[in-house]
Amino acid sequence: MENPRPLAPIKSSDLSAWLISLEGTEAGHHLALGLALMAAFLHAVFGALQKGRHDPWMSRGAIDACYCLMAMPFALFVVPWPEPYMWPIFGVVWVIHIGYKVLQAMAYTKGSYTVVYPVVRGTGPLFTVIGAYLLFGETFSTVQWLGVATLLAGIFGLAAYNLRYLETNRDTLHVALVLAVITGLFVALYTTYDAYGIRATADPFTFLAWFFMIDGAAMPIYAALRYRAMVHRPTLGPLMLRGVVGGIVAPLSFGAVMLATRLDKVGEAAVLRETSTVFAALIGWLFLKETVGPRRIALMALIALGAVIVEMGG
């Protein structure tokens, strides 16, 4: 009997060709749905990692350093190099994401995770749907707009409930809410422009690998300077462990939603990702010891219902 021929390893070009073949198809739509929901769960995990017991700036620096180093060998040696016209696109993407990270860290230092996170994630999809219409000509049906309204009602209702019953940083509350809304605008900016970038290059994994390597290069420098200036410095071991976990979660989360926007509508992917608020509330209850009662459960169900309506209405 002949020995079976060993399976050939899957090359990045093969994976890219398969993914591109699904663009605009029913199978691509279903894959985009799965990717957006995966991104939702992982983004909630990522937000909790940044908001945990460590300083948000330090957590962000550790996470970015890890995924920068993880992406580097893929960018330099595995995927095709970016086309020349991609460099200005990467420059704009980098600026938008730096703005988003700075604003989010500032918001987390001024307000509670359970208040800031829903406001950010609630304003993001609304601006993204508008941006997707302006940039890509995408439109939503009346039923889908009803789903968006339902989802946003649940998200902002959750934020209002948390604001009334759970918020402790009352002195800086107004600043935190303003920062959260502006951060939501930057979520919409990076979602739509990342979609433009990943659609502009021939190989989507080229965009992802180079994005994470470039994107992760700035915040570690600031975090290192902040660490040196601290009187009470955090222990590096637990901080870097958080960085490694976040360095794995972040590319999976952001990468999943970027791939979803290449396969299908940007607006739908953005709305479905905002079910992350449901996962965030569960994480806050299970790991951050925050209270989840029947009202919050009802609001989370409203968010999930809105996402279902958007999907079914399409």
Protein backbone atom coordinates (compact mmCIF):
# COMPACT_ATOMS: atom_id res chain seq x y z
CA MET A 1 0.00 0.00 0.00
CA GLU A 2 1.37 3.42 -0.94
CA ASN A 3 1.91 5.94 1.76
CA PRO A 4 -0.66 8.72 1.53
CA ARG A 5 0.69 11.96 0.16
CA PRO A 6 1.12 14.52 2.96
CA LEU A 7 -1.18 17.48 2.83
CA ALA A 8 0.44 20.61 1.44
CA PRO A 9 0.52 23.54 3.83
CA ILE A 10 -2.01 26.27 3.20
CA LYS A 11 -0.28 29.35 1.83
CA SER A 12 -1.45 32.86 2.55
CA SER A 13 -2.05 33.36 -1.19
CA ASP A 14 -4.38 30.34 -1.24
CA LEU A 15 -6.32 31.68 1.74
CA SER A 16 -6.52 35.12 0.15
CA ALA A 17 -7.75 33.70 -3.16
CA TRP A 18 -10.44 31.69 -1.36
CA LEU A 19 -11.56 34.74 0.63
CA ILE A 20 -11.66 36.98 -2.43
CA SER A 21 -13.72 34.38 -4.29
CA LEU A 22 -16.44 34.75 -1.63
CA GLU A 23 -16.85 38.52 -2.04
CA GLY A 24 -20.42 39.43 -2.94
CA THR A 25 -21.70 35.85 -2.57
CA GLU A 26 -24.20 34.31 -0.16
CA ALA A 27 -21.41 32.29 1.42
CA GLY A 28 -19.40 35.48 1.84
CA HIS A 29 -22.37 37.13 3.53
CA HIS A 30 -22.68 34.31 6.05
CA LEU A 31 -18.93 34.32 6.70
CA ALA A 32 -19.03 38.09 7.23
CA LEU A 33 -21.85 37.60 9.75
CA GLY A 34 -19.80 35.06 11.70
CA LEU A 35 -16.71 37.26 11.60
CA ALA A 36 -18.64 40.32 12.84
CA LEU A 37 -20.10 38.39 15.78
CA MET A 38 -16.70 36.93 16.63
CA ALA A 39 -15.29 40.45 16.53
CA ALA A 40 -18.06 41.59 18.90
CA PHE A 41 -17.18 39.05 21.56
CA LEU A 42 -13.43 39.56 21.23
CA HIS A 43 -13.77 43.36 21.26
CA ALA A 44 -15.59 43.20 24.58
CA VAL A 45 -12.77 41.03 25.94
CA PHE A 46 -10.25 43.51 24.57
CA GLY A 47 -12.03 46.46 26.18
CA ALA A 48 -12.08 44.71 29.55
CA LEU A 49 -8.36 43.94 29.25
CA GLN A 50 -7.61 47.62 28.70
CA LYS A 51 -9.91 48.79 31.49
CA GLY A 52 -8.83 46.18 34.08
CA ARG A 53 -6.77 46.89 37.19
CA HIS A 54 -3.85 48.36 35.23
CA ASP A 55 -3.55 51.95 34.01
CA PRO A 56 -5.32 52.07 30.58
CA TRP A 57 -2.28 53.72 28.98
CA MET A 58 0.03 51.00 30.25
CA SER A 59 -2.35 48.22 29.19
CA ARG A 60 -2.67 49.72 25.73
CA GLY A 61 1.09 50.08 25.38
CA ALA A 62 1.70 46.46 26.41
CA ILE A 63 -1.00 45.14 24.07
CA ASP A 64 0.20 47.19 21.10
CA ALA A 65 3.81 46.17 21.62
CA CYS A 66 2.83 42.49 21.61
CA TYR A 67 0.70 42.54 18.48
CA CYS A 68 3.26 44.71 16.68
CA LEU A 69 5.94 42.07 17.31
CA MET A 70 3.54 39.25 16.45
CA ALA A 71 2.57 40.86 13.13
CA MET A 72 6.11 41.78 12.10
CA PRO A 73 7.29 38.39 10.72
CA PHE A 74 4.02 37.99 8.78
CA ALA A 75 4.31 41.49 7.29
CA LEU A 76 7.99 41.15 6.35
CA PHE A 77 8.23 37.51 5.29
CA VAL A 78 4.83 35.88 4.68
CA VAL A 79 2.33 38.13 2.90
CA PRO A 80 3.03 40.08 -0.32
CA TRP A 81 4.36 43.59 0.23
CA PRO A 82 1.87 46.45 -0.08
CA GLU A 83 1.43 48.23 -3.38
CA PRO A 84 3.08 51.71 -3.49
CA TYR A 85 -0.28 53.49 -3.36
CA MET A 86 -1.04 51.79 -0.03
CA TRP A 87 1.51 53.78 2.00
CA PRO A 88 -0.55 57.01 2.19
CA ILE A 89 -3.58 54.88 3.11
CA PHE A 90 -1.61 53.28 5.94
CA GLY A 91 -0.58 56.78 7.06
CA VAL A 92 -4.19 57.95 7.36
CA VAL A 93 -5.22 54.69 9.06
CA TRP A 94 -2.40 55.12 11.59
CA VAL A 95 -3.46 58.69 12.46
CA ILE A 96 -7.13 57.71 12.91
CA HIS A 97 -6.28 54.74 15.14
CA ILE A 98 -3.88 56.79 17.28
CA GLY A 99 -6.65 59.33 17.81
CA TYR A 100 -9.06 56.54 18.74
CA LYS A 101 -6.67 54.96 21.24
CA VAL A 102 -5.84 58.25 22.94
CA LEU A 103 -9.49 59.24 23.25
CA GLN A 104 -10.54 55.82 24.54
CA ALA A 105 -7.80 55.73 27.16
CA MET A 106 -8.76 59.25 28.27
CA ALA A 107 -12.42 58.24 28.51
CA TYR A 108 -11.56 55.16 30.59
CA THR A 109 -9.56 57.30 33.03
CA LYS A 110 -12.56 59.60 33.52
CA GLY A 111 -15.51 57.18 33.67
CA SER A 112 -16.55 53.62 34.42
CA TYR A 113 -16.08 50.90 31.82
CA THR A 114 -19.80 50.02 31.85
CA VAL A 115 -20.77 53.65 31.10
CA VAL A 116 -18.04 54.62 28.64
CA TYR A 117 -18.06 51.42 26.60
CA PRO A 118 -21.80 51.45 25.64
CA VAL A 119 -21.66 55.14 24.66
CA VAL A 120 -18.63 54.55 22.44
CA ARG A 121 -20.14 51.48 20.83
CA GLY A 122 -23.55 53.13 20.47
CA THR A 123 -22.39 56.21 18.60
CA GLY A 124 -19.95 54.23 16.44
CA PRO A 125 -22.40 52.23 14.28
CA LEU A 126 -24.69 55.19 13.59
CA PHE A 127 -21.80 57.26 12.25
CA THR A 128 -20.46 54.20 10.40
CA VAL A 129 -23.73 53.56 8.56
CA ILE A 130 -23.72 57.20 7.44
CA GLY A 131 -20.05 56.98 6.45
CA ALA A 132 -20.62 53.76 4.51
CA TYR A 133 -23.37 55.50 2.54
CA LEU A 134 -21.12 58.45 1.72
CA LEU A 135 -18.00 56.41 0.91
CA PHE A 136 -19.38 53.18 -0.58
CA GLY A 137 -22.95 54.08 -1.56
CA GLU A 138 -24.39 51.49 0.84
CA THR A 139 -28.04 51.84 1.80
CA PHE A 140 -30.18 50.28 4.55
CA SER A 141 -33.78 49.20 4.14
CA THR A 142 -36.51 50.62 6.36
CA VAL A 143 -36.53 47.40 8.37
CA GLN A 144 -32.76 47.61 8.86
CA TRP A 145 -33.03 51.19 10.10
CA LEU A 146 -35.64 49.94 12.58
CA GLY A 147 -33.08 47.36 13.70
CA VAL A 148 -30.42 50.06 14.08
CA ALA A 149 -32.83 52.16 16.18
CA THR A 150 -33.66 49.12 18.34
CA LEU A 151 -30.00 48.26 18.86
CA LEU A 152 -29.08 51.87 19.70
CA ALA A 153 -32.00 52.13 22.12
CA GLY A 154 -30.66 49.10 23.94
CA ILE A 155 -27.07 50.36 23.95
CA PHE A 156 -27.88 53.86 25.16
CA GLY A 157 -30.44 52.49 27.60
CA LEU A 158 -27.71 50.27 29.04
CA ALA A 159 -25.39 53.28 29.31
CA ALA A 160 -28.11 55.33 31.03
CA TYR A 161 -28.86 52.52 33.49
CA ASN A 162 -25.18 52.11 34.31
CA LEU A 163 -24.85 55.86 34.62
CA ARG A 164 -27.67 56.06 37.15
CA TYR A 165 -26.88 53.02 39.28
CA LEU A 166 -23.23 52.11 38.81
CA GLU A 167 -21.23 55.22 37.98
CA THR A 168 -18.78 56.20 40.73
CA ASN A 169 -16.67 58.89 39.03
CA ARG A 170 -19.33 61.60 39.22
CA ASP A 171 -16.86 64.48 39.27
CA THR A 172 -15.48 63.63 35.83
CA LEU A 173 -18.69 62.18 34.37
CA HIS A 174 -19.45 64.91 31.84
CA VAL A 175 -15.91 64.82 30.49
CA ALA A 176 -16.06 61.03 30.21
CA LEU A 177 -19.33 61.15 28.24
CA VAL A 178 -18.04 63.79 25.82
CA LEU A 179 -14.87 61.77 25.27
CA ALA A 180 -16.95 58.63 24.75
CA VAL A 181 -19.05 60.27 22.01
CA ILE A 182 -15.96 61.60 20.23
CA THR A 183 -14.36 58.17 20.55
CA GLY A 184 -17.48 56.72 18.91
CA LEU A 185 -16.95 59.09 15.99
CA PHE A 186 -13.40 57.78 15.65
CA VAL A 187 -14.75 54.21 15.71
CA ALA A 188 -16.83 55.13 12.68
CA LEU A 189 -13.83 56.78 11.02
CA TYR A 190 -11.55 53.79 11.44
CA THR A 191 -14.27 51.29 10.49
CA THR A 192 -15.05 52.99 7.19
CA TYR A 193 -11.48 53.90 6.32
CA ASP A 194 -10.13 50.46 7.29
CA ALA A 195 -12.78 49.01 4.96
CA TYR A 196 -11.52 51.32 2.22
CA GLY A 197 -7.93 50.24 2.89
CA ILE A 198 -8.55 46.48 2.97
CA ARG A 199 -10.54 46.76 -0.26
CA ALA A 200 -7.81 48.81 -1.94
CA THR A 201 -5.09 46.15 -1.75
CA ALA A 202 -5.08 42.94 -3.79
CA ASP A 203 -4.35 40.71 -0.80
CA PRO A 204 -6.44 41.46 2.33
CA PHE A 205 -3.89 39.74 4.58
CA THR A 206 -1.23 42.17 3.37
CA PHE A 207 -3.35 44.98 4.76
CA LEU A 208 -3.93 43.17 8.06
CA ALA A 209 -0.30 42.21 8.68
CA TRP A 210 1.09 45.65 7.86
CA PHE A 211 -1.71 47.41 9.68
CA PHE A 212 -1.01 45.65 12.98
CA MET A 213 2.75 46.10 12.68
CA ILE A 214 2.45 49.84 11.94
CA ASP A 215 -0.46 50.45 14.31
CA GLY A 216 1.30 48.84 17.27
CA ALA A 217 4.48 50.91 17.03
CA ALA A 218 3.44 54.19 18.70
CA MET A 219 1.67 53.53 22.01
CA PRO A 220 4.45 51.37 23.51
CA ILE A 221 6.80 54.36 23.32
CA TYR A 222 4.37 56.57 25.23
CA ALA A 223 3.66 53.79 27.73
CA ALA A 224 7.39 53.32 28.37
CA LEU A 225 7.83 57.05 29.03
CA ARG A 226 4.80 57.03 31.32
CA TYR A 227 6.15 53.99 33.15
CA ARG A 228 9.49 55.72 33.80
CA ALA A 229 7.71 58.77 35.24
CA MET A 230 5.50 56.73 37.61
CA VAL A 231 6.14 56.80 41.33
CA HIS A 232 4.32 53.50 41.89
CA ARG A 233 5.16 51.37 38.89
CA PRO A 234 3.04 48.30 38.08
CA THR A 235 4.69 44.89 38.15
CA LEU A 236 5.81 44.12 34.62
CA GLY A 237 5.00 40.39 34.70
CA PRO A 238 1.18 40.67 35.02
CA LEU A 239 1.15 43.72 32.74
CA MET A 240 2.99 41.90 29.95
CA LEU A 241 0.80 38.83 30.42
CA ARG A 242 -2.17 41.10 29.78
CA GLY A 243 -0.28 42.47 26.79
CA VAL A 244 0.27 39.01 25.30
CA VAL A 245 -3.38 38.04 25.73
CA GLY A 246 -4.50 41.36 24.26
CA GLY A 247 -1.92 41.00 21.49
CA ILE A 248 -3.68 37.81 20.42
CA VAL A 249 -7.24 39.04 20.96
CA ALA A 250 -6.86 42.42 19.20
CA PRO A 251 -5.78 41.14 15.76
CA LEU A 252 -8.48 38.47 15.88
CA SER A 253 -11.14 41.05 16.79
CA PHE A 254 -10.12 43.95 14.54
CA GLY A 255 -8.96 41.59 11.79
CA ALA A 256 -12.29 39.73 11.80
CA VAL A 257 -14.38 42.86 11.34
CA MET A 258 -12.01 44.19 8.66
CA LEU A 259 -12.38 40.97 6.70
CA ALA A 260 -16.15 41.17 7.19
CA THR A 261 -16.19 44.65 5.63
CA ARG A 262 -14.33 43.31 2.58
CA LEU A 263 -16.74 40.42 2.15
CA ASP A 264 -20.00 42.27 2.73
CA LYS A 265 -21.57 45.61 3.68
CA VAL A 266 -19.55 47.83 5.99
CA GLY A 267 -22.64 49.15 7.78
CA GLU A 268 -24.02 45.70 8.57
CA ALA A 269 -20.69 44.49 9.93
CA ALA A 270 -20.42 47.62 12.10
CA VAL A 271 -23.91 47.19 13.54
CA LEU A 272 -23.48 43.48 14.26
CA ARG A 273 -20.15 44.13 15.95
CA GLU A 274 -21.89 46.38 18.46
CA THR A 275 -23.47 43.36 20.08
CA SER A 276 -20.11 43.55 21.87
CA THR A 277 -21.98 45.68 24.40
CA VAL A 278 -23.89 42.58 25.49
CA PHE A 279 -20.66 40.64 25.92
CA ALA A 280 -19.10 43.62 27.73
CA ALA A 281 -21.94 43.66 30.28
CA LEU A 282 -21.51 39.93 30.87
CA ILE A 283 -17.75 40.35 31.28
CA GLY A 284 -18.32 43.24 33.68
CA TRP A 285 -20.61 41.02 35.74
CA LEU A 286 -18.48 37.87 35.69
CA PHE A 287 -14.97 39.31 36.01
CA LEU A 288 -15.23 42.95 37.13
CA LYS A 289 -17.87 42.12 39.79
CA GLU A 290 -20.42 44.57 38.41
CA THR A 291 -24.13 44.05 38.97
CA VAL A 292 -26.41 42.69 36.22
CA GLY A 293 -30.13 42.78 37.02
CA PRO A 294 -33.33 42.11 35.08
CA ARG A 295 -33.39 45.61 33.55
CA ARG A 296 -29.91 45.27 32.13
CA ILE A 297 -30.76 41.80 30.84
CA ALA A 298 -33.81 43.27 29.07
CA LEU A 299 -31.67 46.01 27.52
CA MET A 300 -29.10 43.47 26.35
CA ALA A 301 -31.92 41.48 24.77
CA LEU A 302 -32.99 44.66 22.97
CA ILE A 303 -29.50 45.04 21.55
CA ALA A 304 -29.49 41.46 20.33
CA LEU A 305 -32.96 41.91 18.82
CA GLY A 306 -31.80 45.01 16.95
CA ALA A 307 -28.88 43.06 15.46
CA VAL A 308 -31.26 40.28 14.37
CA ILE A 309 -33.59 42.81 12.70
CA VAL A 310 -30.69 44.37 10.80
CA GLU A 311 -29.56 40.95 9.59
CA MET A 312 -33.06 39.76 8.64
CA GLY A 313 -33.96 43.09 7.05
CA GLY A 314 -31.05 42.78 4.64
